[in-house]
Amino acid sequence: MSRITQTAREYWGNRSLIFSNYYKKPSVFDKIFRRGIYERIAVAVKECKDIQNASALDIGSGPGLNSISLIRNANASHVTGIDFAGEMIDLANKAAGSEGVADRCDFILGDALTYDFGDKKFDFSMALGVFDYIADAQSLIKRMSQLTKQVFVISWPENGLRMFLRRQRYTCPLYHYNIENIIDLHIKASIGPDRLKIVKIGGGWATIAKK
Protein backbone atom coordinates (compact mmCIF):
# COMPACT_ATOMS: atom_id res chain seq x y z
CA MET A 1 0.00 0.00 0.00
CA SER A 2 1.36 3.43 -0.95
CA ARG A 3 2.12 6.03 1.72
CA ILE A 4 -0.62 8.28 0.25
CA THR A 5 -3.21 5.49 0.55
CA GLN A 6 -2.03 4.61 4.05
CA THR A 7 -2.35 8.24 5.18
CA ALA A 8 -5.88 8.51 3.73
CA ARG A 9 -6.90 5.25 5.40
CA GLU A 10 -5.66 6.42 8.78
CA TYR A 11 -7.37 9.80 8.37
CA TRP A 12 -10.77 8.30 7.55
CA GLY A 13 -10.45 5.58 10.13
CA ASN A 14 -10.05 8.27 12.78
CA ARG A 15 -12.96 10.32 11.38
CA SER A 16 -15.38 7.46 10.70
CA LEU A 17 -18.01 8.52 13.26
CA ILE A 18 -17.81 12.20 12.30
CA PHE A 19 -18.31 11.35 8.63
CA SER A 20 -21.20 9.04 9.43
CA ASN A 21 -22.97 11.90 11.19
CA TYR A 22 -22.78 14.08 8.06
CA TYR A 23 -25.47 11.71 6.72
CA LYS A 24 -27.31 10.62 9.84
CA LYS A 25 -27.36 13.89 11.79
CA PRO A 26 -26.56 16.73 9.38
CA SER A 27 -26.21 20.16 10.95
CA VAL A 28 -27.35 23.38 9.30
CA PHE A 29 -23.68 23.98 8.45
CA ASP A 30 -23.47 20.57 6.75
CA LYS A 31 -26.61 21.19 4.70
CA ILE A 32 -25.26 24.50 3.43
CA PHE A 33 -21.52 24.00 3.09
CA ARG A 34 -21.46 20.25 2.47
CA ARG A 35 -24.52 20.12 0.25
CA GLY A 36 -22.52 18.29 -2.42
CA ILE A 37 -22.53 15.21 -0.18
CA TYR A 38 -26.32 15.04 -0.43
CA GLU A 39 -26.55 16.13 -4.06
CA ARG A 40 -24.13 13.48 -5.31
CA ILE A 41 -26.03 10.58 -3.70
CA ALA A 42 -29.26 11.99 -5.15
CA VAL A 43 -27.68 11.78 -8.62
CA ALA A 44 -26.50 8.23 -7.97
CA VAL A 45 -29.87 7.06 -6.64
CA LYS A 46 -31.67 8.44 -9.69
CA GLU A 47 -29.35 6.63 -12.10
CA CYS A 48 -29.41 3.34 -10.20
CA LYS A 49 -33.19 3.47 -9.94
CA ASP A 50 -33.45 3.46 -13.73
CA ILE A 51 -31.85 -0.01 -13.78
CA GLN A 52 -34.32 -2.69 -12.72
CA ASN A 53 -33.06 -4.89 -9.85
CA ALA A 54 -29.56 -3.48 -10.19
CA SER A 55 -26.53 -5.07 -8.63
CA ALA A 56 -24.35 -2.24 -7.38
CA LEU A 57 -20.80 -1.55 -6.27
CA ASP A 58 -20.09 1.30 -3.85
CA ILE A 59 -16.39 2.19 -3.94
CA GLY A 60 -15.28 4.01 -0.82
CA SER A 61 -18.51 2.95 0.89
CA GLY A 62 -17.55 4.51 4.23
CA PRO A 63 -20.21 4.02 6.93
CA GLY A 64 -22.50 2.30 4.41
CA LEU A 65 -25.27 4.89 4.35
CA ASN A 66 -24.99 5.54 0.60
CA SER A 67 -25.10 1.78 -0.03
CA ILE A 68 -28.23 1.50 2.10
CA SER A 69 -29.76 4.42 0.20
CA LEU A 70 -29.36 2.49 -3.07
CA ILE A 71 -31.36 -0.35 -1.54
CA ARG A 72 -34.00 1.83 0.10
CA ASN A 73 -34.42 4.51 -2.55
CA ALA A 74 -33.27 2.90 -5.82
CA ASN A 75 -34.43 -0.67 -5.10
CA ALA A 76 -31.02 -2.13 -5.89
CA SER A 77 -31.15 -5.91 -5.59
CA HIS A 78 -27.76 -6.12 -3.87
CA VAL A 79 -24.99 -3.68 -3.01
CA THR A 80 -21.35 -4.52 -2.43
CA GLY A 81 -19.43 -1.83 -0.58
CA ILE A 82 -15.65 -1.69 -0.41
CA ASP A 83 -13.55 0.57 1.80
CA PHE A 84 -9.97 0.50 3.04
CA ALA A 85 -10.80 1.69 6.59
CA GLY A 86 -11.79 -1.09 8.96
CA GLU A 87 -13.66 1.34 11.19
CA MET A 88 -15.90 2.26 8.25
CA ILE A 89 -16.64 -1.40 7.51
CA ASP A 90 -17.71 -1.94 11.12
CA LEU A 91 -20.06 1.07 10.96
CA ALA A 92 -21.48 -0.09 7.62
CA ASN A 93 -22.28 -3.59 8.90
CA LYS A 94 -23.97 -2.13 11.99
CA ALA A 95 -25.99 0.31 9.86
CA ALA A 96 -27.13 -2.44 7.47
CA GLY A 97 -28.22 -4.57 10.42
CA SER A 98 -30.14 -1.76 12.10
CA GLU A 99 -31.87 -0.89 8.81
CA GLY A 100 -32.85 -4.49 8.18
CA VAL A 101 -31.00 -4.78 4.85
CA ALA A 102 -28.00 -6.88 5.87
CA ASP A 103 -29.18 -9.66 3.52
CA ARG A 104 -28.99 -7.31 0.54
CA CYS A 105 -25.52 -5.87 1.04
CA ASP A 106 -22.02 -6.87 2.02
CA PHE A 107 -19.01 -4.76 2.91
CA ILE A 108 -15.45 -5.64 1.99
CA LEU A 109 -12.28 -4.34 3.61
CA GLY A 110 -9.95 -3.61 0.73
CA ASP A 111 -8.81 -1.38 -2.13
CA ALA A 112 -10.99 -1.43 -5.26
CA LEU A 113 -7.89 -1.04 -7.43
CA THR A 114 -6.34 -4.29 -6.24
CA TYR A 115 -9.21 -6.35 -4.81
CA ASP A 116 -9.93 -9.53 -6.76
CA PHE A 117 -13.62 -9.50 -7.72
CA GLY A 118 -13.09 -12.53 -9.96
CA ASP A 119 -15.43 -12.52 -12.94
CA LYS A 120 -18.05 -10.48 -11.12
CA LYS A 121 -19.39 -7.32 -12.73
CA PHE A 122 -22.05 -4.92 -11.50
CA ASP A 123 -24.94 -3.22 -13.28
CA PHE A 124 -24.14 0.04 -11.50
CA SER A 125 -21.20 1.44 -9.58
CA MET A 126 -20.39 4.67 -7.81
CA ALA A 127 -17.43 6.38 -6.15
CA LEU A 128 -18.68 9.35 -4.15
CA GLY A 129 -16.15 11.47 -2.29
CA VAL A 130 -13.37 9.11 -3.36
CA PHE A 131 -11.44 10.78 -6.16
CA ASP A 132 -10.59 13.60 -3.75
CA TYR A 133 -7.97 11.22 -2.28
CA ILE A 134 -6.79 9.22 -5.32
CA ALA A 135 -3.40 10.06 -6.79
CA ASP A 136 -3.94 7.78 -9.80
CA ALA A 137 -7.43 8.78 -10.90
CA GLN A 138 -6.93 7.22 -14.33
CA SER A 139 -6.39 3.72 -12.94
CA LEU A 140 -9.47 3.90 -10.73
CA ILE A 141 -11.82 5.17 -13.42
CA LYS A 142 -10.59 2.42 -15.78
CA ARG A 143 -11.17 -0.11 -13.02
CA MET A 144 -14.71 1.18 -12.51
CA SER A 145 -15.40 0.92 -16.22
CA GLN A 146 -14.13 -2.67 -16.25
CA LEU A 147 -16.31 -3.65 -13.29
CA THR A 148 -19.51 -1.95 -14.51
CA LYS A 149 -21.98 -3.25 -17.07
CA GLN A 150 -24.31 -0.26 -17.46
CA VAL A 151 -23.72 3.00 -15.55
CA PHE A 152 -21.17 4.44 -13.13
CA VAL A 153 -21.32 7.68 -11.17
CA ILE A 154 -18.34 9.60 -9.76
CA SER A 155 -18.09 12.81 -7.77
CA TRP A 156 -15.23 15.21 -8.53
CA PRO A 157 -14.09 18.10 -6.28
CA GLU A 158 -13.21 21.43 -7.84
CA ASN A 159 -10.49 23.84 -6.78
CA GLY A 160 -11.51 26.93 -4.84
CA LEU A 161 -11.93 28.29 -1.34
CA ARG A 162 -13.46 25.12 0.09
CA MET A 163 -10.63 22.99 -1.28
CA PHE A 164 -8.10 25.47 0.11
CA LEU A 165 -9.69 25.25 3.58
CA ARG A 166 -9.83 21.47 3.43
CA ARG A 167 -6.12 21.35 2.66
CA GLN A 168 -5.43 23.35 5.81
CA ARG A 169 -7.32 20.81 7.96
CA TYR A 170 -6.71 17.44 6.36
CA THR A 171 -3.66 15.32 7.14
CA CYS A 172 -3.85 13.39 3.86
CA PRO A 173 -3.25 14.64 0.30
CA LEU A 174 -6.22 16.07 -1.62
CA TYR A 175 -6.77 16.31 -5.38
CA HIS A 176 -9.03 18.52 -7.48
CA TYR A 177 -10.23 18.52 -11.09
CA ASN A 178 -11.71 20.67 -13.81
CA ILE A 179 -14.10 19.86 -16.65
CA GLU A 180 -11.27 19.24 -19.11
CA ASN A 181 -9.56 16.78 -16.71
CA ILE A 182 -12.81 14.94 -16.12
CA ILE A 183 -13.65 14.55 -19.82
CA ASP A 184 -10.10 13.43 -20.64
CA LEU A 185 -10.08 10.82 -17.86
CA HIS A 186 -13.33 9.36 -19.19
CA ILE A 187 -12.11 9.31 -22.79
CA LYS A 188 -9.00 7.39 -21.70
CA ALA A 189 -11.33 4.94 -19.96
CA SER A 190 -13.18 4.47 -23.29
CA ILE A 191 -16.16 6.65 -22.32
CA GLY A 192 -16.67 9.27 -25.02
CA PRO A 193 -18.40 12.62 -24.45
CA ASP A 194 -21.56 11.24 -26.07
CA ARG A 195 -21.87 8.75 -23.19
CA LEU A 196 -20.95 11.15 -20.42
CA LYS A 197 -23.17 13.57 -18.51
CA ILE A 198 -21.68 16.13 -16.12
CA VAL A 199 -23.87 17.58 -13.35
CA LYS A 200 -22.82 20.58 -11.23
CA ILE A 201 -23.13 19.93 -7.51
CA GLY A 202 -21.87 21.74 -4.42
CA GLY A 203 -18.07 21.75 -4.39
CA GLY A 204 -17.63 20.19 -7.81
CA TRP A 205 -19.39 17.85 -10.21
CA ALA A 206 -21.00 14.44 -10.49
CA THR A 207 -20.53 12.46 -13.69
CA ILE A 208 -22.81 9.82 -15.15
CA ALA A 209 -21.01 7.45 -17.53
CA LYS A 210 -23.01 5.10 -19.73
CA LYS A 211 -21.37 1.90 -20.94
C-alpha atoms as a PDB file:
ATOM      1  CA  MET A   1       0.000   0.000   0.000  1.00  0.00           C
ATOM      2  CA  SER A   2       1.364   3.427  -0.951  1.00  0.00           C
ATOM      3  CA  ARG A   3       2.119   6.027   1.720  1.00  0.00           C
ATOM      4  CA  ILE A   4      -0.622   8.276   0.255  1.00  0.00           C
ATOM      5  CA  THR A   5      -3.206   5.488   0.548  1.00  0.00           C
ATOM      6  CA  GLN A   6      -2.032   4.615   4.045  1.00  0.00           C
ATOM      7  CA  THR A   7      -2.353   8.239   5.176  1.00  0.00           C
ATOM      8  CA  ALA A   8      -5.879   8.511   3.731  1.00  0.00           C
ATOM      9  CA  ARG A   9      -6.904   5.250   5.399  1.00  0.00           C
ATOM     10  CA  GLU A  10      -5.657   6.425   8.783  1.00  0.00           C
ATOM     11  CA  TYR A  11      -7.369   9.795   8.373  1.00  0.00           C
ATOM     12  CA  TRP A  12     -10.772   8.301   7.549  1.00  0.00           C
ATOM     13  CA  GLY A  13     -10.446   5.577  10.133  1.00  0.00           C
ATOM     14  CA  ASN A  14     -10.047   8.268  12.779  1.00  0.00           C
ATOM     15  CA  ARG A  15     -12.962  10.320  11.383  1.00  0.00           C
ATOM     16  CA  SER A  16     -15.379   7.464  10.703  1.00  0.00           C
ATOM     17  CA  LEU A  17     -18.014   8.518  13.264  1.00  0.00           C
ATOM     18  CA  ILE A  18     -17.811  12.197  12.304  1.00  0.00           C
ATOM     19  CA  PHE A  19     -18.305  11.354   8.631  1.00  0.00           C
ATOM     20  CA  SER A  20     -21.202   9.043   9.431  1.00  0.00           C
ATOM     21  CA  ASN A  21     -22.970  11.896  11.192  1.00  0.00           C
ATOM     22  CA  TYR A  22     -22.784  14.079   8.065  1.00  0.00           C
ATOM     23  CA  TYR A  23     -25.473  11.710   6.721  1.00  0.00           C
ATOM     24  CA  LYS A  24     -27.307  10.615   9.841  1.00  0.00           C
ATOM     25  CA  LYS A  25     -27.364  13.894  11.788  1.00  0.00           C
ATOM     26  CA  PRO A  26     -26.565  16.727   9.378  1.00  0.00           C
ATOM     27  CA  SER A  27     -26.214  20.156  10.949  1.00  0.00           C
ATOM     28  CA  VAL A  28     -27.353  23.377   9.295  1.00  0.00           C
ATOM     29  CA  PHE A  29     -23.679  23.979   8.450  1.00  0.00           C
ATOM     30  CA  ASP A  30     -23.475  20.565   6.753  1.00  0.00           C
ATOM     31  CA  LYS A  31     -26.610  21.185   4.704  1.00  0.00           C
ATOM     32  CA  ILE A  32     -25.261  24.496   3.426  1.00  0.00           C
ATOM     33  CA  PHE A  33     -21.522  23.995   3.090  1.00  0.00           C
ATOM     34  CA  ARG A  34     -21.456  20.248   2.473  1.00  0.00           C
ATOM     35  CA  ARG A  35     -24.520  20.115   0.246  1.00  0.00           C
ATOM     36  CA  GLY A  36     -22.517  18.294  -2.425  1.00  0.00           C
ATOM     37  CA  ILE A  37     -22.529  15.215  -0.179  1.00  0.00           C
ATOM     38  CA  TYR A  38     -26.318  15.040  -0.434  1.00  0.00           C
ATOM     39  CA  GLU A  39     -26.545  16.128  -4.059  1.00  0.00           C
ATOM     40  CA  ARG A  40     -24.129  13.481  -5.307  1.00  0.00           C
ATOM     41  CA  ILE A  41     -26.027  10.585  -3.696  1.00  0.00           C
ATOM     42  CA  ALA A  42     -29.257  11.991  -5.147  1.00  0.00           C
ATOM     43  CA  VAL A  43     -27.680  11.782  -8.622  1.00  0.00           C
ATOM     44  CA  ALA A  44     -26.503   8.225  -7.975  1.00  0.00           C
ATOM     45  CA  VAL A  45     -29.871   7.057  -6.643  1.00  0.00           C
ATOM     46  CA  LYS A  46     -31.671   8.439  -9.692  1.00  0.00           C
ATOM     47  CA  GLU A  47     -29.354   6.630 -12.102  1.00  0.00           C
ATOM     48  CA  CYS A  48     -29.408   3.345 -10.198  1.00  0.00           C
ATOM     49  CA  LYS A  49     -33.194   3.467  -9.938  1.00  0.00           C
ATOM     50  CA  ASP A  50     -33.453   3.462 -13.734  1.00  0.00           C
ATOM     51  CA  ILE A  51     -31.849  -0.008 -13.779  1.00  0.00           C
ATOM     52  CA  GLN A  52     -34.319  -2.685 -12.724  1.00  0.00           C
ATOM     53  CA  ASN A  53     -33.058  -4.886  -9.852  1.00  0.00           C
ATOM     54  CA  ALA A  54     -29.562  -3.476 -10.189  1.00  0.00           C
ATOM     55  CA  SER A  55     -26.535  -5.070  -8.634  1.00  0.00           C
ATOM     56  CA  ALA A  56     -24.349  -2.236  -7.385  1.00  0.00           C
ATOM     57  CA  LEU A  57     -20.796  -1.551  -6.272  1.00  0.00           C
ATOM     58  CA  ASP A  58     -20.094   1.296  -3.846  1.00  0.00           C
ATOM     59  CA  ILE A  59     -16.390   2.187  -3.939  1.00  0.00           C
ATOM     60  CA  GLY A  60     -15.283   4.007  -0.816  1.00  0.00           C
ATOM     61  CA  SER A  61     -18.514   2.955   0.893  1.00  0.00           C
ATOM     62  CA  GLY A  62     -17.547   4.512   4.230  1.00  0.00           C
ATOM     63  CA  PRO A  63     -20.207   4.020   6.934  1.00  0.00           C
ATOM     64  CA  GLY A  64     -22.502   2.296   4.409  1.00  0.00           C
ATOM     65  CA  LEU A  65     -25.271   4.891   4.347  1.00  0.00           C
ATOM     66  CA  ASN A  66     -24.990   5.537   0.603  1.00  0.00           C
ATOM     67  CA  SER A  67     -25.102   1.779  -0.032  1.00  0.00           C
ATOM     68  CA  ILE A  68     -28.230   1.497   2.097  1.00  0.00           C
ATOM     69  CA  SER A  69     -29.756   4.425   0.201  1.00  0.00           C
ATOM     70  CA  LEU A  70     -29.363   2.490  -3.072  1.00  0.00           C
ATOM     71  CA  ILE A  71     -31.358  -0.348  -1.538  1.00  0.00           C
ATOM     72  CA  ARG A  72     -33.996   1.826   0.105  1.00  0.00           C
ATOM     73  CA  ASN A  73     -34.424   4.514  -2.550  1.00  0.00           C
ATOM     74  CA  ALA A  74     -33.270   2.900  -5.820  1.00  0.00           C
ATOM     75  CA  ASN A  75     -34.426  -0.671  -5.096  1.00  0.00           C
ATOM     76  CA  ALA A  76     -31.022  -2.132  -5.887  1.00  0.00           C
ATOM     77  CA  SER A  77     -31.155  -5.913  -5.590  1.00  0.00           C
ATOM     78  CA  HIS A  78     -27.761  -6.124  -3.868  1.00  0.00           C
ATOM     79  CA  VAL A  79     -24.987  -3.677  -3.015  1.00  0.00           C
ATOM     80  CA  THR A  80     -21.347  -4.517  -2.429  1.00  0.00           C
ATOM     81  CA  GLY A  81     -19.427  -1.826  -0.585  1.00  0.00           C
ATOM     82  CA  ILE A  82     -15.653  -1.695  -0.409  1.00  0.00           C
ATOM     83  CA  ASP A  83     -13.554   0.572   1.802  1.00  0.00           C
ATOM     84  CA  PHE A  84      -9.973   0.498   3.041  1.00  0.00           C
ATOM     85  CA  ALA A  85     -10.797   1.691   6.588  1.00  0.00           C
ATOM     86  CA  GLY A  86     -11.788  -1.087   8.961  1.00  0.00           C
ATOM     87  CA  GLU A  87     -13.663   1.343  11.187  1.00  0.00           C
ATOM     88  CA  MET A  88     -15.895   2.263   8.255  1.00  0.00           C
ATOM     89  CA  ILE A  89     -16.645  -1.399   7.507  1.00  0.00           C
ATOM     90  CA  ASP A  90     -17.706  -1.935  11.124  1.00  0.00           C
ATOM     91  CA  LEU A  91     -20.058   1.066  10.960  1.00  0.00           C
ATOM     92  CA  ALA A  92     -21.479  -0.094   7.623  1.00  0.00           C
ATOM     93  CA  ASN A  93     -22.282  -3.586   8.895  1.00  0.00           C
ATOM     94  CA  LYS A  94     -23.973  -2.127  11.986  1.00  0.00           C
ATOM     95  CA  ALA A  95     -25.993   0.309   9.859  1.00  0.00           C
ATOM     96  CA  ALA A  96     -27.132  -2.439   7.475  1.00  0.00           C
ATOM     97  CA  GLY A  97     -28.221  -4.569  10.422  1.00  0.00           C
ATOM     98  CA  SER A  98     -30.142  -1.764  12.100  1.00  0.00           C
ATOM     99  CA  GLU A  99     -31.868  -0.885   8.807  1.00  0.00           C
ATOM    100  CA  GLY A 100     -32.847  -4.488   8.179  1.00  0.00           C
ATOM    101  CA  VAL A 101     -31.004  -4.780   4.853  1.00  0.00           C
ATOM    102  CA  ALA A 102     -27.997  -6.885   5.865  1.00  0.00           C
ATOM    103  CA  ASP A 103     -29.179  -9.661   3.525  1.00  0.00           C
ATOM    104  CA  ARG A 104     -28.993  -7.312   0.541  1.00  0.00           C
ATOM    105  CA  CYS A 105     -25.524  -5.872   1.044  1.00  0.00           C
ATOM    106  CA  ASP A 106     -22.025  -6.868   2.022  1.00  0.00           C
ATOM    107  CA  PHE A 107     -19.012  -4.759   2.908  1.00  0.00           C
ATOM    108  CA  ILE A 108     -15.445  -5.635   1.993  1.00  0.00           C
ATOM    109  CA  LEU A 109     -12.282  -4.343   3.608  1.00  0.00           C
ATOM    110  CA  GLY A 110      -9.948  -3.614   0.726  1.00  0.00           C
ATOM    111  CA  ASP A 111      -8.813  -1.383  -2.132  1.00  0.00           C
ATOM    112  CA  ALA A 112     -10.988  -1.426  -5.257  1.00  0.00           C
ATOM    113  CA  LEU A 113      -7.890  -1.039  -7.430  1.00  0.00           C
ATOM    114  CA  THR A 114      -6.344  -4.288  -6.243  1.00  0.00           C
ATOM    115  CA  TYR A 115      -9.211  -6.352  -4.809  1.00  0.00           C
ATOM    116  CA  ASP A 116      -9.935  -9.528  -6.760  1.00  0.00           C
ATOM    117  CA  PHE A 117     -13.619  -9.502  -7.723  1.00  0.00           C
ATOM    118  CA  GLY A 118     -13.087 -12.534  -9.957  1.00  0.00           C
ATOM    119  CA  ASP A 119     -15.427 -12.515 -12.938  1.00  0.00           C
ATOM    120  CA  LYS A 120     -18.051 -10.476 -11.122  1.00  0.00           C
ATOM    121  CA  LYS A 121     -19.390  -7.319 -12.731  1.00  0.00           C
ATOM    122  CA  PHE A 122     -22.049  -4.920 -11.502  1.00  0.00           C
ATOM    123  CA  ASP A 123     -24.941  -3.217 -13.281  1.00  0.00           C
ATOM    124  CA  PHE A 124     -24.144   0.044 -11.500  1.00  0.00           C
ATOM    125  CA  SER A 125     -21.198   1.437  -9.584  1.00  0.00           C
ATOM    126  CA  MET A 126     -20.387   4.672  -7.806  1.00  0.00           C
ATOM    127  CA  ALA A 127     -17.431   6.379  -6.152  1.00  0.00           C
ATOM    128  CA  LEU A 128     -18.678   9.352  -4.146  1.00  0.00           C
ATOM    129  CA  GLY A 129     -16.148  11.468  -2.292  1.00  0.00           C
ATOM    130  CA  VAL A 130     -13.368   9.113  -3.363  1.00  0.00           C
ATOM    131  CA  PHE A 131     -11.437  10.785  -6.162  1.00  0.00           C
ATOM    132  CA  ASP A 132     -10.586  13.605  -3.752  1.00  0.00           C
ATOM    133  CA  TYR A 133      -7.974  11.221  -2.281  1.00  0.00           C
ATOM    134  CA  ILE A 134      -6.792   9.220  -5.319  1.00  0.00           C
ATOM    135  CA  ALA A 135      -3.396  10.062  -6.788  1.00  0.00           C
ATOM    136  CA  ASP A 136      -3.939   7.784  -9.798  1.00  0.00           C
ATOM    137  CA  ALA A 137      -7.426   8.777 -10.899  1.00  0.00           C
ATOM    138  CA  GLN A 138      -6.930   7.216 -14.328  1.00  0.00           C
ATOM    139  CA  SER A 139      -6.391   3.723 -12.943  1.00  0.00           C
ATOM    140  CA  LEU A 140      -9.467   3.900 -10.730  1.00  0.00           C
ATOM    141  CA  ILE A 141     -11.820   5.172 -13.425  1.00  0.00           C
ATOM    142  CA  LYS A 142     -10.586   2.425 -15.775  1.00  0.00           C
ATOM    143  CA  ARG A 143     -11.165  -0.107 -13.017  1.00  0.00           C
ATOM    144  CA  MET A 144     -14.707   1.177 -12.510  1.00  0.00           C
ATOM    145  CA  SER A 145     -15.396   0.921 -16.220  1.00  0.00           C
ATOM    146  CA  GLN A 146     -14.131  -2.674 -16.251  1.00  0.00           C
ATOM    147  CA  LEU A 147     -16.313  -3.654 -13.292  1.00  0.00           C
ATOM    148  CA  THR A 148     -19.506  -1.947 -14.505  1.00  0.00           C
ATOM    149  CA  LYS A 149     -21.984  -3.254 -17.068  1.00  0.00           C
ATOM    150  CA  GLN A 150     -24.315  -0.264 -17.462  1.00  0.00           C
ATOM    151  CA  VAL A 151     -23.721   3.001 -15.552  1.00  0.00           C
ATOM    152  CA  PHE A 152     -21.170   4.435 -13.132  1.00  0.00           C
ATOM    153  CA  VAL A 153     -21.319   7.676 -11.168  1.00  0.00           C
ATOM    154  CA  ILE A 154     -18.337   9.603  -9.756  1.00  0.00           C
ATOM    155  CA  SER A 155     -18.086  12.814  -7.767  1.00  0.00           C
ATOM    156  CA  TRP A 156     -15.232  15.214  -8.526  1.00  0.00           C
ATOM    157  CA  PRO A 157     -14.091  18.102  -6.280  1.00  0.00           C
ATOM    158  CA  GLU A 158     -13.214  21.430  -7.841  1.00  0.00           C
ATOM    159  CA  ASN A 159     -10.493  23.837  -6.781  1.00  0.00           C
ATOM    160  CA  GLY A 160     -11.512  26.928  -4.841  1.00  0.00           C
ATOM    161  CA  LEU A 161     -11.928  28.294  -1.336  1.00  0.00           C
ATOM    162  CA  ARG A 162     -13.457  25.118   0.091  1.00  0.00           C
ATOM    163  CA  MET A 163     -10.626  22.987  -1.283  1.00  0.00           C
ATOM    164  CA  PHE A 164      -8.101  25.468   0.113  1.00  0.00           C
ATOM    165  CA  LEU A 165      -9.690  25.253   3.577  1.00  0.00           C
ATOM    166  CA  ARG A 166      -9.826  21.467   3.430  1.00  0.00           C
ATOM    167  CA  ARG A 167      -6.121  21.349   2.661  1.00  0.00           C
ATOM    168  CA  GLN A 168      -5.427  23.346   5.813  1.00  0.00           C
ATOM    169  CA  ARG A 169      -7.316  20.807   7.961  1.00  0.00           C
ATOM    170  CA  TYR A 170      -6.706  17.440   6.365  1.00  0.00           C
ATOM    171  CA  THR A 171      -3.659  15.319   7.144  1.00  0.00           C
ATOM    172  CA  CYS A 172      -3.855  13.387   3.860  1.00  0.00           C
ATOM    173  CA  PRO A 173      -3.248  14.645   0.295  1.00  0.00           C
ATOM    174  CA  LEU A 174      -6.219  16.075  -1.617  1.00  0.00           C
ATOM    175  CA  TYR A 175      -6.765  16.312  -5.377  1.00  0.00           C
ATOM    176  CA  HIS A 176      -9.031  18.521  -7.479  1.00  0.00           C
ATOM    177  CA  TYR A 177     -10.230  18.518 -11.087  1.00  0.00           C
ATOM    178  CA  ASN A 178     -11.712  20.666 -13.809  1.00  0.00           C
ATOM    179  CA  ILE A 179     -14.098  19.858 -16.647  1.00  0.00           C
ATOM    180  CA  GLU A 180     -11.270  19.236 -19.107  1.00  0.00           C
ATOM    181  CA  ASN A 181      -9.562  16.782 -16.709  1.00  0.00           C
ATOM    182  CA  ILE A 182     -12.814  14.942 -16.122  1.00  0.00           C
ATOM    183  CA  ILE A 183     -13.648  14.548 -19.819  1.00  0.00           C
ATOM    184  CA  ASP A 184     -10.098  13.429 -20.635  1.00  0.00           C
ATOM    185  CA  LEU A 185     -10.079  10.819 -17.856  1.00  0.00           C
ATOM    186  CA  HIS A 186     -13.330   9.355 -19.194  1.00  0.00           C
ATOM    187  CA  ILE A 187     -12.105   9.311 -22.787  1.00  0.00           C
ATOM    188  CA  LYS A 188      -8.996   7.386 -21.696  1.00  0.00           C
ATOM    189  CA  ALA A 189     -11.333   4.941 -19.961  1.00  0.00           C
ATOM    190  CA  SER A 190     -13.179   4.470 -23.292  1.00  0.00           C
ATOM    191  CA  ILE A 191     -16.156   6.647 -22.321  1.00  0.00           C
ATOM    192  CA  GLY A 192     -16.667   9.271 -25.022  1.00  0.00           C
ATOM    193  CA  PRO A 193     -18.396  12.624 -24.453  1.00  0.00           C
ATOM    194  CA  ASP A 194     -21.559  11.239 -26.068  1.00  0.00           C
ATOM    195  CA  ARG A 195     -21.868   8.753 -23.190  1.00  0.00           C
ATOM    196  CA  LEU A 196     -20.947  11.151 -20.421  1.00  0.00           C
ATOM    197  CA  LYS A 197     -23.167  13.575 -18.509  1.00  0.00           C
ATOM    198  CA  ILE A 198     -21.677  16.132 -16.121  1.00  0.00           C
ATOM    199  CA  VAL A 199     -23.870  17.582 -13.354  1.00  0.00           C
ATOM    200  CA  LYS A 200     -22.821  20.579 -11.227  1.00  0.00           C
ATOM    201  CA  ILE A 201     -23.126  19.929  -7.510  1.00  0.00           C
ATOM    202  CA  GLY A 202     -21.874  21.743  -4.425  1.00  0.00           C
ATOM    203  CA  GLY A 203     -18.065  21.751  -4.390  1.00  0.00           C
ATOM    204  CA  GLY A 204     -17.630  20.186  -7.811  1.00  0.00           C
ATOM    205  CA  TRP A 205     -19.389  17.848 -10.209  1.00  0.00           C
ATOM    206  CA  ALA A 206     -21.003  14.436 -10.487  1.00  0.00           C
ATOM    207  CA  THR A 207     -20.526  12.460 -13.692  1.00  0.00           C
ATOM    208  CA  ILE A 208     -22.806   9.820 -15.151  1.00  0.00           C
ATOM    209  CA  ALA A 209     -21.014   7.447 -17.531  1.00  0.00           C
ATOM    210  CA  LYS A 210     -23.014   5.099 -19.729  1.00  0.00           C
ATOM    211  CA  LYS A 211     -21.367   1.901 -20.939  1.00  0.00           C
END
